[in-house]
N, C-alpha and C. Protein backbone atom coordinates (compact mmCIF):
# COMPACT_ATOMS: atom_id res chain seq x y z
N MET A 1 -2.91 -3.37 -28.02
CA MET A 1 -3.81 -4.09 -27.09
C MET A 1 -4.73 -3.20 -26.38
N PHE A 2 -5.99 -3.62 -26.27
CA PHE A 2 -6.96 -2.71 -25.76
C PHE A 2 -6.86 -2.86 -24.25
N SER A 3 -6.21 -3.79 -23.71
CA SER A 3 -6.21 -3.83 -22.19
C SER A 3 -5.20 -2.92 -21.61
N VAL A 4 -4.20 -2.45 -22.34
CA VAL A 4 -3.17 -1.57 -21.67
C VAL A 4 -3.94 -0.21 -21.22
N PRO A 5 -4.70 0.57 -22.01
CA PRO A 5 -5.31 1.65 -21.53
C PRO A 5 -6.33 1.46 -20.41
N ILE A 6 -6.98 0.29 -20.47
CA ILE A 6 -7.91 -0.12 -19.37
C ILE A 6 -7.10 -0.31 -17.92
N LEU A 7 -6.00 -1.04 -18.12
CA LEU A 7 -5.31 -1.31 -16.97
C LEU A 7 -4.56 0.01 -16.48
N THR A 8 -4.28 0.91 -17.34
CA THR A 8 -3.57 2.17 -17.01
C THR A 8 -4.68 3.05 -16.26
N ALA A 9 -5.82 3.01 -16.63
CA ALA A 9 -6.96 3.74 -15.99
C ALA A 9 -7.21 3.13 -14.60
N VAL A 10 -7.19 1.83 -14.51
CA VAL A 10 -7.39 1.13 -13.28
C VAL A 10 -6.37 1.45 -12.19
N GLN A 11 -5.00 1.42 -12.71
CA GLN A 11 -3.91 1.70 -11.79
C GLN A 11 -4.02 3.24 -11.40
N ILE A 12 -4.40 4.12 -12.31
CA ILE A 12 -4.67 5.47 -11.78
C ILE A 12 -5.77 5.62 -10.72
N LEU A 13 -6.87 4.93 -10.96
CA LEU A 13 -7.98 4.88 -9.94
C LEU A 13 -7.50 4.29 -8.57
N PHE A 14 -6.62 3.36 -8.66
CA PHE A 14 -5.98 2.75 -7.51
C PHE A 14 -4.90 3.54 -6.83
N GLY A 15 -4.59 4.63 -7.44
CA GLY A 15 -3.54 5.47 -6.71
C GLY A 15 -2.26 5.82 -7.55
N ALA A 16 -2.09 5.39 -8.76
CA ALA A 16 -1.04 5.75 -9.50
C ALA A 16 -0.83 7.10 -9.83
N PRO A 17 0.28 7.72 -9.90
CA PRO A 17 0.54 9.20 -10.10
C PRO A 17 -0.15 9.52 -11.40
N LEU A 18 -1.11 10.61 -11.35
CA LEU A 18 -1.75 10.99 -12.46
C LEU A 18 -1.10 12.09 -13.52
N THR A 19 -0.23 13.03 -12.79
CA THR A 19 0.31 14.02 -13.61
C THR A 19 1.83 13.66 -13.82
N THR A 20 2.50 12.80 -13.10
CA THR A 20 3.81 12.42 -13.29
C THR A 20 3.90 10.88 -13.55
N HIS A 21 4.93 10.46 -14.04
CA HIS A 21 5.17 8.95 -14.22
C HIS A 21 4.16 8.27 -15.05
N ILE A 22 3.55 9.00 -16.07
CA ILE A 22 2.63 8.42 -17.03
C ILE A 22 3.36 7.35 -17.80
N PRO A 23 4.53 7.48 -18.43
CA PRO A 23 5.22 6.43 -19.10
C PRO A 23 5.48 5.25 -18.29
N HIS A 24 5.75 5.43 -17.05
CA HIS A 24 6.00 4.33 -16.04
C HIS A 24 4.69 3.55 -15.88
N THR A 25 3.67 4.26 -15.70
CA THR A 25 2.37 3.58 -15.49
C THR A 25 1.92 2.77 -16.74
N ILE A 26 2.14 3.33 -17.87
CA ILE A 26 1.85 2.63 -19.10
C ILE A 26 2.59 1.49 -19.37
N LEU A 27 4.00 1.50 -19.02
CA LEU A 27 4.86 0.26 -19.06
C LEU A 27 4.44 -0.74 -18.03
N CYS A 28 4.06 -0.30 -16.82
CA CYS A 28 3.63 -1.25 -15.84
C CYS A 28 2.30 -2.02 -16.33
N SER A 29 1.41 -1.17 -16.91
CA SER A 29 0.19 -1.81 -17.45
C SER A 29 0.60 -2.74 -18.66
N SER A 30 1.60 -2.51 -19.39
CA SER A 30 1.90 -3.38 -20.44
C SER A 30 2.53 -4.64 -19.80
N HIS A 31 3.28 -4.63 -18.82
CA HIS A 31 3.75 -5.84 -18.18
C HIS A 31 2.55 -6.73 -17.62
N LEU A 32 1.62 -6.03 -16.99
CA LEU A 32 0.39 -6.71 -16.50
C LEU A 32 -0.28 -7.32 -17.66
N ALA A 33 -0.53 -6.66 -18.60
CA ALA A 33 -1.36 -7.25 -19.89
C ALA A 33 -0.53 -8.28 -20.43
N LEU A 34 0.67 -8.27 -20.55
CA LEU A 34 1.48 -9.36 -21.19
C LEU A 34 1.53 -10.58 -20.28
N LEU A 35 1.51 -10.39 -19.01
CA LEU A 35 1.59 -11.52 -18.13
C LEU A 35 0.18 -12.16 -17.82
N ALA A 36 -0.85 -11.34 -17.82
CA ALA A 36 -2.15 -11.90 -17.34
C ALA A 36 -3.22 -11.94 -18.46
N ILE A 37 -3.33 -10.81 -19.20
CA ILE A 37 -4.51 -10.78 -20.10
C ILE A 37 -4.15 -11.46 -21.50
N PHE A 38 -3.02 -11.34 -22.03
CA PHE A 38 -2.64 -11.93 -23.27
C PHE A 38 -2.81 -13.46 -23.24
N PRO A 39 -2.20 -14.23 -22.16
CA PRO A 39 -2.43 -15.65 -22.08
C PRO A 39 -3.84 -16.01 -22.04
N LEU A 40 -4.60 -15.27 -21.30
CA LEU A 40 -6.01 -15.66 -21.20
C LEU A 40 -6.81 -15.59 -22.45
N VAL A 41 -6.37 -14.47 -23.26
CA VAL A 41 -7.07 -14.39 -24.60
C VAL A 41 -6.58 -15.33 -25.67
N TYR A 42 -5.34 -15.75 -25.48
CA TYR A 42 -4.81 -16.71 -26.27
C TYR A 42 -5.33 -18.10 -26.13
N VAL A 43 -5.55 -18.44 -24.84
CA VAL A 43 -6.07 -19.79 -24.47
C VAL A 43 -7.52 -19.85 -24.74
N HIS A 44 -8.25 -18.91 -24.27
CA HIS A 44 -9.75 -18.88 -24.31
C HIS A 44 -10.32 -18.21 -25.50
N GLY A 45 -9.63 -17.66 -26.27
CA GLY A 45 -10.27 -17.01 -27.61
C GLY A 45 -11.24 -15.91 -27.17
N SER A 46 -12.17 -15.83 -28.08
CA SER A 46 -13.03 -14.66 -27.95
C SER A 46 -14.53 -15.07 -27.72
N ASP A 47 -14.74 -16.31 -27.33
CA ASP A 47 -16.01 -16.86 -27.06
C ASP A 47 -16.56 -16.20 -25.80
N SER A 48 -17.73 -15.43 -25.93
CA SER A 48 -18.30 -14.77 -24.82
C SER A 48 -18.69 -15.69 -23.51
N LYS A 49 -19.31 -16.87 -23.94
CA LYS A 49 -19.71 -17.87 -22.93
C LYS A 49 -18.55 -18.30 -22.13
N ILE A 50 -17.40 -18.55 -22.76
CA ILE A 50 -16.20 -18.97 -21.95
C ILE A 50 -15.75 -17.79 -21.07
N TRP A 51 -15.71 -16.57 -21.60
CA TRP A 51 -15.26 -15.38 -20.79
C TRP A 51 -16.20 -15.13 -19.60
N LYS A 52 -17.57 -15.40 -19.79
CA LYS A 52 -18.41 -15.03 -18.61
C LYS A 52 -17.99 -16.16 -17.56
N GLU A 53 -17.61 -17.38 -17.95
CA GLU A 53 -17.26 -18.36 -16.89
C GLU A 53 -16.01 -17.95 -16.24
N VAL A 54 -15.05 -17.44 -17.11
CA VAL A 54 -13.74 -17.13 -16.57
C VAL A 54 -13.79 -15.94 -15.58
N VAL A 55 -14.61 -14.91 -15.95
CA VAL A 55 -14.83 -13.61 -15.16
C VAL A 55 -15.57 -13.98 -13.81
N SER A 56 -16.34 -14.84 -13.98
CA SER A 56 -17.20 -15.27 -12.71
C SER A 56 -16.60 -16.34 -12.04
N VAL A 57 -15.54 -16.92 -12.28
CA VAL A 57 -14.66 -17.90 -11.66
C VAL A 57 -15.47 -19.21 -11.55
N HIS A 58 -16.21 -19.47 -12.66
CA HIS A 58 -16.88 -20.68 -12.76
C HIS A 58 -16.20 -21.75 -13.65
N SER A 59 -15.15 -21.27 -14.39
CA SER A 59 -14.41 -22.16 -15.21
C SER A 59 -13.50 -22.84 -14.34
N PRO A 60 -13.03 -24.11 -14.72
CA PRO A 60 -12.00 -24.76 -13.90
C PRO A 60 -10.80 -23.89 -13.86
N ILE A 61 -9.98 -23.94 -12.72
CA ILE A 61 -8.84 -23.09 -12.66
C ILE A 61 -7.66 -23.90 -13.25
N ASP A 62 -7.02 -23.32 -14.13
CA ASP A 62 -5.93 -23.88 -14.78
C ASP A 62 -4.70 -23.02 -14.57
N GLU A 63 -3.56 -23.41 -15.20
CA GLU A 63 -2.36 -22.77 -15.12
C GLU A 63 -2.39 -21.36 -15.58
N VAL A 64 -3.15 -20.99 -16.60
CA VAL A 64 -3.26 -19.66 -17.17
C VAL A 64 -4.08 -18.79 -16.21
N PHE A 65 -5.16 -19.26 -15.68
CA PHE A 65 -6.09 -18.50 -14.83
C PHE A 65 -5.32 -18.26 -13.43
N GLY A 66 -4.59 -19.27 -13.02
CA GLY A 66 -3.79 -19.12 -11.75
C GLY A 66 -2.84 -18.00 -11.80
N ALA A 67 -2.05 -18.06 -13.08
CA ALA A 67 -1.06 -17.16 -13.20
C ALA A 67 -1.66 -15.69 -13.25
N ALA A 68 -2.77 -15.50 -14.00
CA ALA A 68 -3.47 -14.22 -14.02
C ALA A 68 -3.82 -13.69 -12.69
N VAL A 69 -4.48 -14.59 -11.92
CA VAL A 69 -4.91 -14.07 -10.51
C VAL A 69 -3.73 -13.78 -9.79
N GLY A 70 -2.57 -14.59 -9.80
CA GLY A 70 -1.38 -14.44 -9.01
C GLY A 70 -0.73 -13.11 -9.45
N CYS A 71 -0.72 -12.81 -10.64
CA CYS A 71 -0.14 -11.55 -11.31
C CYS A 71 -0.80 -10.39 -10.73
N PHE A 72 -2.09 -10.45 -10.70
CA PHE A 72 -2.83 -9.09 -10.16
C PHE A 72 -2.72 -9.11 -8.67
N LEU A 73 -2.84 -10.16 -7.86
CA LEU A 73 -2.69 -10.12 -6.48
C LEU A 73 -1.14 -9.81 -6.09
N GLY A 74 -0.21 -10.26 -6.85
CA GLY A 74 1.12 -9.77 -6.66
C GLY A 74 1.33 -8.34 -6.91
N GLY A 75 0.88 -7.94 -7.98
CA GLY A 75 0.88 -6.34 -8.21
C GLY A 75 0.32 -5.57 -7.08
N TRP A 76 -0.88 -6.04 -6.63
CA TRP A 76 -1.55 -5.23 -5.58
C TRP A 76 -0.74 -5.32 -4.29
N LEU A 77 -0.21 -6.47 -3.91
CA LEU A 77 0.53 -6.63 -2.63
C LEU A 77 1.84 -5.84 -2.95
N GLY A 78 2.33 -5.88 -4.04
CA GLY A 78 3.68 -5.13 -4.26
C GLY A 78 3.54 -3.64 -4.07
N ALA A 79 2.28 -3.03 -3.98
CA ALA A 79 2.32 -1.66 -3.65
C ALA A 79 2.40 -1.27 -2.21
N ILE A 80 2.51 -2.22 -1.40
CA ILE A 80 2.69 -2.03 0.11
C ILE A 80 3.87 -1.33 0.43
N PRO A 81 5.02 -1.67 -0.04
CA PRO A 81 6.25 -0.95 0.43
C PRO A 81 6.36 0.43 -0.23
N ILE A 82 5.60 0.86 -1.17
CA ILE A 82 5.84 2.21 -1.72
C ILE A 82 5.73 3.38 -0.87
N PRO A 83 4.78 3.40 -0.01
CA PRO A 83 4.67 4.65 0.79
C PRO A 83 5.66 4.62 2.14
N LEU A 84 6.36 3.56 2.27
CA LEU A 84 7.35 3.52 3.41
C LEU A 84 8.41 4.45 3.33
N ASP A 85 9.10 4.59 2.11
CA ASP A 85 10.15 5.52 2.11
C ASP A 85 10.61 5.82 0.50
N TRP A 86 10.40 6.88 0.12
CA TRP A 86 10.51 7.24 -1.29
C TRP A 86 12.03 7.45 -1.60
N ASP A 87 12.94 7.45 -0.69
CA ASP A 87 14.33 7.69 -0.93
C ASP A 87 15.14 6.51 -1.46
N ARG A 88 14.51 5.34 -1.54
CA ARG A 88 15.25 4.14 -2.01
C ARG A 88 14.73 3.83 -3.45
N GLU A 89 15.60 3.47 -4.22
CA GLU A 89 15.47 3.14 -5.67
C GLU A 89 14.47 2.06 -5.88
N TRP A 90 14.51 1.10 -4.95
CA TRP A 90 13.62 -0.15 -5.24
C TRP A 90 12.21 0.17 -4.76
N GLN A 91 11.88 1.30 -4.18
CA GLN A 91 10.56 1.56 -3.74
C GLN A 91 9.88 2.57 -4.62
N LYS A 92 10.48 3.00 -5.68
CA LYS A 92 9.94 4.00 -6.56
C LYS A 92 8.87 3.45 -7.51
N TRP A 93 8.03 4.27 -7.99
CA TRP A 93 6.82 3.77 -8.86
C TRP A 93 7.53 3.35 -10.07
N PRO A 94 7.14 2.22 -10.65
CA PRO A 94 6.43 1.09 -10.35
C PRO A 94 7.13 -0.23 -10.08
N VAL A 95 8.34 0.01 -9.56
CA VAL A 95 9.34 -1.08 -9.41
C VAL A 95 8.71 -2.31 -8.50
N THR A 96 8.08 -1.84 -7.41
CA THR A 96 7.49 -2.98 -6.52
C THR A 96 6.31 -3.66 -7.08
N ILE A 97 5.49 -2.78 -7.87
CA ILE A 97 4.31 -3.33 -8.51
C ILE A 97 4.67 -4.45 -9.52
N VAL A 98 5.77 -4.05 -10.34
CA VAL A 98 6.12 -5.06 -11.46
C VAL A 98 6.85 -6.23 -10.78
N THR A 99 7.65 -5.92 -9.68
CA THR A 99 8.25 -7.18 -9.10
C THR A 99 7.23 -8.21 -8.34
N GLY A 100 6.17 -7.57 -7.75
CA GLY A 100 5.16 -8.33 -7.22
C GLY A 100 4.24 -9.00 -8.24
N ALA A 101 4.16 -8.35 -9.41
CA ALA A 101 3.33 -9.05 -10.48
C ALA A 101 4.03 -10.24 -11.04
N TYR A 102 5.37 -10.07 -11.23
CA TYR A 102 6.12 -11.27 -11.64
C TYR A 102 6.15 -12.42 -10.67
N ALA A 103 6.38 -12.00 -9.40
CA ALA A 103 6.46 -13.00 -8.31
C ALA A 103 4.93 -13.75 -8.18
N GLY A 104 4.02 -12.97 -8.24
CA GLY A 104 2.68 -13.54 -8.10
C GLY A 104 2.30 -14.42 -9.28
N TYR A 105 2.82 -13.92 -10.56
CA TYR A 105 2.61 -14.75 -11.72
C TYR A 105 3.18 -16.16 -11.60
N ILE A 106 4.44 -16.16 -11.11
CA ILE A 106 5.14 -17.52 -10.92
C ILE A 106 4.38 -18.25 -9.86
N LEU A 107 4.08 -17.73 -8.74
CA LEU A 107 3.42 -18.54 -7.71
C LEU A 107 1.96 -18.96 -8.27
N GLY A 108 1.28 -18.05 -8.82
CA GLY A 108 -0.06 -18.44 -9.39
C GLY A 108 -0.03 -19.54 -10.49
N LYS A 109 1.02 -19.45 -11.31
CA LYS A 109 1.22 -20.43 -12.36
C LYS A 109 1.54 -21.75 -11.72
N LEU A 110 2.37 -21.78 -10.81
CA LEU A 110 2.75 -23.03 -10.12
C LEU A 110 1.55 -23.62 -9.32
N ALA A 111 0.79 -22.73 -8.60
CA ALA A 111 -0.40 -23.21 -7.98
C ALA A 111 -1.48 -23.83 -8.86
N GLY A 112 -1.64 -23.03 -10.09
CA GLY A 112 -2.62 -23.57 -11.07
C GLY A 112 -2.12 -24.80 -11.78
N ARG A 113 -0.95 -25.05 -11.85
CA ARG A 113 -0.40 -26.35 -12.48
C ARG A 113 -0.38 -27.57 -11.50
N PHE A 114 0.10 -27.33 -10.41
CA PHE A 114 0.24 -28.51 -9.32
C PHE A 114 -0.86 -28.59 -8.36
N PHE A 115 -1.54 -27.59 -7.94
CA PHE A 115 -2.42 -27.73 -6.79
C PHE A 115 -3.91 -27.53 -7.27
N LEU A 116 -4.16 -26.80 -8.05
CA LEU A 116 -5.62 -26.47 -8.51
C LEU A 116 -6.00 -26.88 -9.79
N LYS A 117 -5.31 -27.73 -10.50
CA LYS A 117 -5.53 -28.11 -11.88
C LYS A 117 -6.98 -28.73 -12.01
N GLY A 118 -7.75 -28.02 -12.81
CA GLY A 118 -9.17 -28.39 -13.07
C GLY A 118 -10.07 -28.37 -12.08
N LYS A 119 -9.74 -27.75 -10.86
CA LYS A 119 -10.70 -27.60 -9.77
C LYS A 119 -11.58 -26.37 -10.07
N ARG A 120 -12.83 -26.30 -9.55
CA ARG A 120 -13.68 -25.15 -9.60
C ARG A 120 -13.83 -24.63 -8.31
N ILE A 121 -13.84 -23.33 -8.13
CA ILE A 121 -14.12 -22.59 -6.80
C ILE A 121 -15.56 -22.69 -6.69
N GLU A 122 -16.02 -23.29 -5.52
CA GLU A 122 -17.35 -23.47 -5.11
C GLU A 122 -17.69 -22.37 -4.05
N LEU A 123 -18.56 -21.47 -4.27
CA LEU A 123 -18.99 -20.48 -3.27
C LEU A 123 -20.35 -20.84 -2.66
N ASP A 124 -20.52 -21.08 -1.59
CA ASP A 124 -21.77 -21.42 -0.93
C ASP A 124 -22.69 -20.09 -0.66
């Protein structure tokens, strides 16, 4: 997948360890890619017009898009407990990121299915 190296680079730019934990970062990126990127590519294909709508949030929000947004937001929010205390196993890199990504994926998928189905985000 082409998205794994890109997500790894983004995670390093957001503060992931650069010299240590490289395999952990790559595996975390693989989780994010399988949860968020792969379903979007599977559903929307490779049409550039559709992808411009998806990236600019002009396409109707569906279950897959909600899950992808929830996955990335959950992973980002999952980074909050990391600097609190490195002595605990559950706070080590990237346990909280992956846990937050899965929790956000589930919440985003449910929101896309039941609350936002087919709605567009209108920015004034």
